[in-house]
């Protein structure tokens, strides 16, 4: 998992296809806020979901196996927590169809990101993360609009 500005995340990874997906989304980013909630296709089997949501004080941890998640805030500030996958072994469930597994909450967290407009948090398969959390540092908006890119994991290294 890592955290950076949107314009910088294409510099990570070795795959040319990874960079193509990121560059395509960067090109679409200025108009993404105007898009309705829904799913939008990108190149190489990647896509992104636009969502408007109420932020919560708590949420379930999730993980994926097939896709790298890139959480990009379009408006507002979202808190995202990450935890070591090993803390969840033997708990939760996984849906192959949705490529999503969910875990019960644990008191331990290993990292916290505050994702503001233009920033992204990137989670690889088996990296447990809890998103859509309220920014607990002050009086922030209770709603967020965000895009979650779903990039096939094999694009990370594919040249």
Protein backbone atom coordinates (compact mmCIF):
# COMPACT_ATOMS: atom_id res chain seq x y z
CA UNK A 1 0.00 0.00 0.00
CA UNK A 2 1.12 3.51 -0.65
CA UNK A 3 -0.16 7.07 -0.68
CA UNK A 4 0.66 9.82 -3.16
CA UNK A 5 -0.73 12.53 -5.43
CA UNK A 6 -2.68 11.23 -8.43
CA UNK A 7 -0.20 12.62 -10.95
CA UNK A 8 2.63 10.62 -9.33
CA UNK A 9 1.17 7.13 -9.02
CA UNK A 10 1.98 6.22 -12.63
CA UNK A 11 5.66 6.37 -11.65
CA UNK A 12 5.28 3.26 -9.49
CA UNK A 13 5.37 -0.24 -10.94
CA UNK A 14 7.24 -1.58 -13.95
CA UNK A 15 4.31 -2.16 -16.26
CA UNK A 16 3.73 0.08 -19.27
CA UNK A 17 0.06 -0.97 -19.20
CA UNK A 18 -0.21 0.15 -15.55
CA UNK A 19 1.00 3.60 -16.62
CA UNK A 20 -1.42 3.68 -19.58
CA UNK A 21 -4.36 3.04 -17.24
CA UNK A 22 -3.20 5.71 -14.78
CA UNK A 23 -2.61 8.25 -17.57
CA UNK A 24 -6.05 7.57 -19.02
CA UNK A 25 -7.65 8.19 -15.61
CA UNK A 26 -5.55 11.35 -15.06
CA UNK A 27 -6.93 12.59 -18.40
CA UNK A 28 -10.51 11.86 -17.23
CA UNK A 29 -10.02 13.12 -13.66
CA UNK A 30 -10.99 16.78 -14.29
CA UNK A 31 -14.45 15.69 -15.48
CA UNK A 32 -14.88 12.81 -13.02
CA UNK A 33 -16.57 15.01 -10.40
CA UNK A 34 -19.35 15.78 -12.87
CA UNK A 35 -20.00 12.11 -13.64
CA UNK A 36 -22.88 10.24 -12.07
CA UNK A 37 -22.21 7.43 -9.63
CA UNK A 38 -21.48 4.30 -11.62
CA UNK A 39 -18.82 2.23 -13.36
CA UNK A 40 -16.61 3.60 -16.15
CA UNK A 41 -14.29 1.51 -18.33
CA UNK A 42 -10.59 2.17 -18.86
CA UNK A 43 -8.06 0.38 -21.08
CA UNK A 44 -6.59 -3.10 -20.44
CA UNK A 45 -9.55 -4.41 -18.43
CA UNK A 46 -9.35 -1.69 -15.79
CA UNK A 47 -12.32 0.39 -14.69
CA UNK A 48 -13.32 2.86 -12.01
CA UNK A 49 -16.35 3.33 -9.83
CA UNK A 50 -17.59 6.82 -9.01
CA UNK A 51 -19.40 6.95 -5.68
CA UNK A 52 -20.94 9.57 -3.46
CA UNK A 53 -21.19 8.39 0.13
CA UNK A 54 -21.81 9.38 3.71
CA UNK A 55 -18.65 8.89 5.75
CA UNK A 56 -18.89 6.67 8.83
CA UNK A 57 -17.22 6.47 12.22
CA UNK A 58 -16.40 2.82 11.49
CA UNK A 59 -16.61 0.30 8.67
CA UNK A 60 -15.52 -3.26 7.83
CA UNK A 61 -12.06 -4.17 6.56
CA UNK A 62 -11.97 -5.44 2.99
CA UNK A 63 -9.43 -7.01 0.64
CA UNK A 64 -9.22 -8.10 -2.98
CA UNK A 65 -7.35 -10.78 -4.91
CA UNK A 66 -7.60 -9.81 -8.60
CA UNK A 67 -7.44 -6.02 -8.62
CA UNK A 68 -5.30 -3.23 -7.26
CA UNK A 69 -7.54 -0.59 -5.65
CA UNK A 70 -6.66 3.07 -6.21
CA UNK A 71 -8.86 5.29 -4.01
CA UNK A 72 -8.93 8.88 -5.38
CA UNK A 73 -10.90 11.61 -3.67
CA UNK A 74 -12.87 13.96 -5.90
CA UNK A 75 -14.28 16.09 -3.07
CA UNK A 76 -14.00 15.99 0.70
CA UNK A 77 -11.50 14.16 2.88
CA UNK A 78 -11.69 10.47 3.64
CA UNK A 79 -9.85 8.54 6.33
CA UNK A 80 -8.68 5.08 5.26
CA UNK A 81 -7.11 2.59 7.66
CA UNK A 82 -4.88 -0.30 6.65
CA UNK A 83 -3.93 -3.42 8.57
CA UNK A 84 -1.71 -6.44 8.01
CA UNK A 85 -3.57 -9.24 6.25
CA UNK A 86 -2.02 -11.76 8.65
CA UNK A 87 -4.15 -10.30 11.46
CA UNK A 88 -7.27 -11.62 9.70
CA UNK A 89 -6.24 -15.16 8.75
CA UNK A 90 -9.13 -17.52 9.43
CA UNK A 91 -11.77 -14.79 9.63
CA UNK A 92 -14.09 -13.12 7.15
CA UNK A 93 -15.39 -14.24 3.79
CA UNK A 94 -14.49 -13.74 0.14
CA UNK A 95 -16.72 -13.43 -2.96
CA UNK A 96 -14.97 -14.54 -6.14
CA UNK A 97 -17.69 -12.86 -8.22
CA UNK A 98 -17.18 -9.43 -6.57
CA UNK A 99 -13.46 -9.87 -5.84
CA UNK A 100 -14.10 -8.69 -2.31
CA UNK A 101 -13.55 -10.19 1.09
CA UNK A 102 -14.70 -8.60 4.34
CA UNK A 103 -13.36 -8.98 7.85
CA UNK A 104 -14.72 -8.14 11.27
CA UNK A 105 -13.16 -5.11 12.89
CA UNK A 106 -10.01 -5.44 14.95
CA UNK A 107 -8.63 -2.91 17.41
CA UNK A 108 -5.24 -2.86 15.66
CA UNK A 109 -4.49 -0.71 12.64
CA UNK A 110 -1.10 -0.42 10.98
CA UNK A 111 -1.52 2.77 8.95
CA UNK A 112 -3.93 5.65 8.51
CA UNK A 113 -4.28 7.81 5.40
CA UNK A 114 -6.23 11.06 5.13
CA UNK A 115 -7.09 11.17 1.45
CA UNK A 116 -7.91 14.71 0.32
CA UNK A 117 -8.93 15.89 -3.15
CA UNK A 118 -6.25 14.92 -5.68
CA UNK A 119 -4.61 12.35 -3.39
CA UNK A 120 -4.75 8.57 -3.79
CA UNK A 121 -4.30 5.57 -1.55
CA UNK A 122 -3.26 2.39 -3.37
CA UNK A 123 -4.00 -1.09 -2.01
CA UNK A 124 -2.67 -4.30 -3.56
CA UNK A 125 -4.33 -7.72 -3.34
CA UNK A 126 -4.47 -9.05 0.22
CA UNK A 127 -3.87 -5.61 1.74
CA UNK A 128 -6.70 -5.13 4.20
CA UNK A 129 -8.21 -1.65 4.21
CA UNK A 130 -11.16 0.13 5.76
CA UNK A 131 -12.48 3.06 3.73
CA UNK A 132 -15.24 5.68 3.88
CA UNK A 133 -14.27 6.76 7.40
CA UNK A 134 -14.84 10.23 8.85
CA UNK A 135 -11.83 12.52 9.07
CA UNK A 136 -11.39 12.63 12.85
CA UNK A 137 -8.91 15.52 12.83
CA UNK A 138 -11.49 18.31 12.82
CA UNK A 139 -14.74 19.55 11.42
CA UNK A 140 -14.68 17.98 7.95
CA UNK A 141 -17.60 17.34 5.59
CA UNK A 142 -19.55 14.17 6.29
CA UNK A 143 -19.91 13.33 2.59
CA UNK A 144 -17.38 12.39 -0.03
CA UNK A 145 -17.27 11.87 -3.75
CA UNK A 146 -14.53 9.53 -4.88
CA UNK A 147 -13.33 7.28 -7.65
CA UNK A 148 -11.99 3.81 -6.97
CA UNK A 149 -9.87 2.49 -9.82
CA UNK A 150 -9.82 -1.29 -10.18
CA UNK A 151 -6.67 -2.29 -12.06
CA UNK A 152 -5.93 -5.95 -12.87
CA UNK A 153 -2.93 -6.93 -10.72
CA UNK A 154 -0.99 -8.37 -13.67
CA UNK A 155 -0.72 -4.86 -15.19
CA UNK A 156 1.66 -3.83 -12.37
CA UNK A 157 4.54 -5.72 -14.03
CA UNK A 158 3.28 -6.27 -17.57
CA UNK A 159 5.35 -4.45 -20.16
